[in-house]
Amino acid sequence: MEAQSREIRVIYFAWVRERIGLSDERLSLPDNVRTAGEMIAWLSGRGDNYAYALESPSTIRVAVDQLHIEQDELLGAAREIALFPPMTGG
């Protein structure tokens, strides 16, 4: 049986955007990608630019439908996922 997928919008910020070369894109996530961390790992395998942008997954912050989550949390029925580096300064 073939794995199902769901389409989401992924938005990239700051140096994540610069390294990937896109500000956002629509992607179909495989059903086995259930958490934010699994999504980051899956994205890392999409090409050298993704691997470079996500080479230190623990530094990547995630927001699902504009709410910050931890990487071990489920994505659920997310429609939009944002990836960004740690925020600094004030």
N, C-alpha and C. Protein backbone atom coordinates (compact mmCIF):
# COMPACT_ATOMS: atom_id res chain seq x y z
N MET A 1 0.84 -1.19 0.00
CA MET A 1 0.00 0.00 0.00
C MET A 1 0.88 1.25 0.00
N GLU A 2 0.61 2.17 -0.88
CA GLU A 2 1.41 3.38 -1.01
C GLU A 2 1.08 4.36 0.10
N ALA A 3 2.13 5.04 0.60
CA ALA A 3 1.95 6.03 1.68
C ALA A 3 1.18 7.23 1.15
N GLN A 4 0.27 7.72 1.94
CA GLN A 4 -0.49 8.93 1.61
C GLN A 4 0.38 10.14 1.93
N SER A 5 -0.03 11.30 1.45
CA SER A 5 0.69 12.52 1.78
C SER A 5 -0.33 13.63 1.98
N ARG A 6 0.14 14.71 2.63
CA ARG A 6 -0.72 15.87 2.82
C ARG A 6 0.06 17.11 2.43
N GLU A 7 -0.62 18.07 1.83
CA GLU A 7 0.06 19.27 1.36
C GLU A 7 0.03 20.35 2.43
N ILE A 8 1.18 20.98 2.62
CA ILE A 8 1.31 22.08 3.57
C ILE A 8 2.13 23.19 2.93
N ARG A 9 2.05 24.36 3.51
CA ARG A 9 2.91 25.47 3.11
C ARG A 9 4.04 25.56 4.13
N VAL A 10 5.26 25.57 3.64
CA VAL A 10 6.43 25.70 4.51
C VAL A 10 7.06 27.05 4.21
N ILE A 11 7.29 27.83 5.26
CA ILE A 11 7.87 29.16 5.14
C ILE A 11 9.25 29.15 5.80
N TYR A 12 10.22 29.74 5.13
CA TYR A 12 11.59 29.78 5.65
C TYR A 12 11.96 31.23 5.96
N PHE A 13 12.64 31.43 7.09
CA PHE A 13 13.03 32.76 7.52
C PHE A 13 14.54 32.88 7.69
N ALA A 14 15.04 34.12 7.55
CA ALA A 14 16.43 34.50 7.83
C ALA A 14 17.40 33.61 7.06
N TRP A 15 18.48 33.12 7.72
CA TRP A 15 19.48 32.37 6.98
C TRP A 15 18.97 31.01 6.52
N VAL A 16 17.91 30.49 7.09
CA VAL A 16 17.32 29.25 6.56
C VAL A 16 16.82 29.52 5.14
N ARG A 17 16.12 30.64 4.96
CA ARG A 17 15.62 31.05 3.63
C ARG A 17 16.79 31.28 2.67
N GLU A 18 17.81 31.97 3.13
CA GLU A 18 18.95 32.27 2.26
C GLU A 18 19.65 31.00 1.79
N ARG A 19 19.83 30.05 2.68
CA ARG A 19 20.54 28.82 2.32
C ARG A 19 19.70 27.91 1.43
N ILE A 20 18.40 27.83 1.68
CA ILE A 20 17.54 26.99 0.84
C ILE A 20 17.30 27.66 -0.50
N GLY A 21 17.21 28.99 -0.49
CA GLY A 21 16.99 29.72 -1.73
C GLY A 21 15.53 29.97 -2.05
N LEU A 22 14.67 29.74 -1.08
CA LEU A 22 13.23 29.96 -1.23
C LEU A 22 12.68 30.63 0.02
N SER A 23 11.67 31.47 -0.15
CA SER A 23 11.01 32.04 1.03
C SER A 23 9.90 31.13 1.52
N ASP A 24 9.28 30.39 0.61
CA ASP A 24 8.24 29.43 1.00
C ASP A 24 7.98 28.49 -0.16
N GLU A 25 7.29 27.40 0.13
CA GLU A 25 6.91 26.45 -0.90
C GLU A 25 5.79 25.57 -0.38
N ARG A 26 5.06 24.98 -1.29
CA ARG A 26 4.03 24.00 -0.94
C ARG A 26 4.64 22.62 -1.12
N LEU A 27 4.49 21.80 -0.10
CA LEU A 27 5.06 20.47 -0.12
C LEU A 27 4.02 19.44 0.29
N SER A 28 4.18 18.25 -0.21
CA SER A 28 3.37 17.12 0.23
C SER A 28 4.23 16.28 1.16
N LEU A 29 3.88 16.27 2.43
CA LEU A 29 4.62 15.49 3.41
C LEU A 29 4.14 14.05 3.40
N PRO A 30 5.05 13.10 3.42
CA PRO A 30 4.65 11.70 3.55
C PRO A 30 3.97 11.47 4.90
N ASP A 31 3.09 10.49 4.96
CA ASP A 31 2.38 10.20 6.21
C ASP A 31 3.31 9.82 7.35
N ASN A 32 4.48 9.27 7.03
CA ASN A 32 5.40 8.87 8.11
C ASN A 32 6.14 10.06 8.72
N VAL A 33 5.95 11.26 8.19
CA VAL A 33 6.53 12.47 8.77
C VAL A 33 5.46 13.07 9.67
N ARG A 34 5.60 12.81 10.98
CA ARG A 34 4.54 13.19 11.92
C ARG A 34 4.93 14.31 12.87
N THR A 35 6.23 14.48 13.13
CA THR A 35 6.67 15.51 14.07
C THR A 35 7.48 16.57 13.33
N ALA A 36 7.70 17.69 14.00
CA ALA A 36 8.51 18.76 13.42
C ALA A 36 9.93 18.26 13.14
N GLY A 37 10.49 17.50 14.06
CA GLY A 37 11.83 16.96 13.88
C GLY A 37 11.92 16.02 12.69
N GLU A 38 10.89 15.18 12.51
CA GLU A 38 10.87 14.28 11.36
C GLU A 38 10.77 15.08 10.06
N MET A 39 10.04 16.18 10.08
CA MET A 39 9.93 17.00 8.89
C MET A 39 11.28 17.63 8.55
N ILE A 40 11.99 18.13 9.55
CA ILE A 40 13.31 18.72 9.32
C ILE A 40 14.26 17.67 8.73
N ALA A 41 14.23 16.46 9.28
CA ALA A 41 15.08 15.38 8.76
C ALA A 41 14.70 15.06 7.32
N TRP A 42 13.41 14.99 7.02
CA TRP A 42 12.93 14.71 5.66
C TRP A 42 13.37 15.82 4.71
N LEU A 43 13.20 17.07 5.13
CA LEU A 43 13.62 18.20 4.28
C LEU A 43 15.11 18.14 3.99
N SER A 44 15.91 17.74 4.97
CA SER A 44 17.37 17.68 4.81
C SER A 44 17.78 16.78 3.66
N GLY A 45 16.95 15.81 3.35
CA GLY A 45 17.26 14.88 2.27
C GLY A 45 16.80 15.35 0.90
N ARG A 46 16.26 16.55 0.80
CA ARG A 46 15.72 17.04 -0.47
C ARG A 46 16.78 17.67 -1.37
N GLY A 47 18.00 17.85 -0.88
CA GLY A 47 19.05 18.43 -1.71
C GLY A 47 20.11 19.09 -0.85
N ASP A 48 21.21 19.44 -1.49
CA ASP A 48 22.34 20.02 -0.77
C ASP A 48 21.97 21.32 -0.07
N ASN A 49 21.15 22.15 -0.71
CA ASN A 49 20.77 23.42 -0.09
C ASN A 49 19.96 23.20 1.18
N TYR A 50 19.07 22.21 1.19
CA TYR A 50 18.30 21.89 2.39
C TYR A 50 19.21 21.31 3.46
N ALA A 51 20.10 20.41 3.06
CA ALA A 51 21.02 19.81 4.01
C ALA A 51 21.88 20.88 4.68
N TYR A 52 22.34 21.84 3.89
CA TYR A 52 23.16 22.93 4.43
C TYR A 52 22.34 23.80 5.39
N ALA A 53 21.14 24.17 4.99
CA ALA A 53 20.30 25.03 5.83
C ALA A 53 19.91 24.36 7.14
N LEU A 54 19.78 23.04 7.11
CA LEU A 54 19.27 22.31 8.27
C LEU A 54 20.33 21.42 8.89
N GLU A 55 21.61 21.76 8.68
CA GLU A 55 22.70 20.92 9.15
C GLU A 55 22.78 20.81 10.68
N SER A 56 22.23 21.76 11.39
CA SER A 56 22.18 21.71 12.86
C SER A 56 20.71 21.78 13.29
N PRO A 57 20.01 20.66 13.16
CA PRO A 57 18.57 20.68 13.39
C PRO A 57 18.16 21.22 14.76
N SER A 58 19.01 21.03 15.76
CA SER A 58 18.64 21.49 17.11
C SER A 58 18.55 23.01 17.21
N THR A 59 19.14 23.72 16.23
CA THR A 59 19.07 25.18 16.27
C THR A 59 17.84 25.73 15.55
N ILE A 60 17.15 24.87 14.80
CA ILE A 60 16.00 25.32 14.02
C ILE A 60 14.76 25.41 14.92
N ARG A 61 14.08 26.53 14.85
CA ARG A 61 12.83 26.73 15.58
C ARG A 61 11.68 26.49 14.61
N VAL A 62 10.55 26.02 15.16
CA VAL A 62 9.41 25.64 14.33
C VAL A 62 8.14 26.30 14.86
N ALA A 63 7.33 26.79 13.94
CA ALA A 63 6.00 27.28 14.29
C ALA A 63 5.00 26.58 13.36
N VAL A 64 3.93 26.08 13.96
CA VAL A 64 2.86 25.43 13.21
C VAL A 64 1.63 26.31 13.31
N ASP A 65 1.14 26.73 12.18
CA ASP A 65 -0.01 27.64 12.13
C ASP A 65 0.18 28.80 13.11
N GLN A 66 1.40 29.34 13.10
CA GLN A 66 1.84 30.53 13.84
C GLN A 66 1.96 30.32 15.35
N LEU A 67 2.03 29.06 15.79
CA LEU A 67 2.28 28.74 17.20
C LEU A 67 3.58 27.96 17.31
N HIS A 68 4.48 28.43 18.15
CA HIS A 68 5.76 27.75 18.34
C HIS A 68 5.54 26.37 18.96
N ILE A 69 6.28 25.39 18.42
CA ILE A 69 6.23 24.04 18.97
C ILE A 69 7.65 23.50 19.11
N GLU A 70 7.78 22.45 19.90
CA GLU A 70 9.05 21.73 20.03
C GLU A 70 9.14 20.72 18.89
N GLN A 71 10.35 20.30 18.58
CA GLN A 71 10.55 19.40 17.45
C GLN A 71 9.97 18.01 17.66
N ASP A 72 9.71 17.62 18.90
CA ASP A 72 9.14 16.29 19.13
C ASP A 72 7.60 16.32 19.14
N GLU A 73 7.02 17.48 18.89
CA GLU A 73 5.56 17.59 18.87
C GLU A 73 5.01 17.21 17.50
N LEU A 74 3.80 16.68 17.51
CA LEU A 74 3.14 16.27 16.28
C LEU A 74 2.72 17.48 15.45
N LEU A 75 2.80 17.32 14.15
CA LEU A 75 2.37 18.38 13.24
C LEU A 75 0.85 18.40 13.10
N GLY A 76 0.21 17.27 13.33
CA GLY A 76 -1.24 17.20 13.25
C GLY A 76 -1.75 17.62 11.88
N ALA A 77 -2.78 18.43 11.87
CA ALA A 77 -3.41 18.89 10.63
C ALA A 77 -2.87 20.26 10.21
N ALA A 78 -1.60 20.49 10.45
CA ALA A 78 -0.98 21.78 10.13
C ALA A 78 -1.23 22.17 8.69
N ARG A 79 -1.48 23.45 8.50
CA ARG A 79 -1.62 24.00 7.14
C ARG A 79 -0.39 24.80 6.76
N GLU A 80 0.31 25.33 7.79
CA GLU A 80 1.48 26.17 7.54
C GLU A 80 2.53 25.86 8.61
N ILE A 81 3.76 25.67 8.15
CA ILE A 81 4.87 25.40 9.06
C ILE A 81 5.99 26.38 8.72
N ALA A 82 6.49 27.06 9.74
CA ALA A 82 7.58 28.03 9.54
C ALA A 82 8.84 27.49 10.21
N LEU A 83 9.97 27.63 9.53
CA LEU A 83 11.26 27.23 10.06
C LEU A 83 12.14 28.46 10.12
N PHE A 84 12.81 28.66 11.26
CA PHE A 84 13.65 29.84 11.42
C PHE A 84 14.75 29.56 12.45
N PRO A 85 15.82 30.34 12.37
CA PRO A 85 16.91 30.19 13.35
C PRO A 85 16.50 30.83 14.67
N PRO A 86 17.31 30.61 15.69
CA PRO A 86 17.00 31.25 16.99
C PRO A 86 16.90 32.77 16.84
N MET A 87 16.01 33.35 17.58
CA MET A 87 15.86 34.80 17.55
C MET A 87 16.87 35.41 18.52
N THR A 88 17.40 36.56 18.13
CA THR A 88 18.41 37.23 18.96
C THR A 88 18.07 38.70 19.12
N GLY A 89 18.77 39.29 20.03
CA GLY A 89 18.71 40.75 20.17
C GLY A 89 17.39 41.28 20.67
N GLY A 90 17.32 42.57 20.77
CA GLY A 90 16.11 43.18 21.25
C GLY A 90 16.15 44.58 20.99
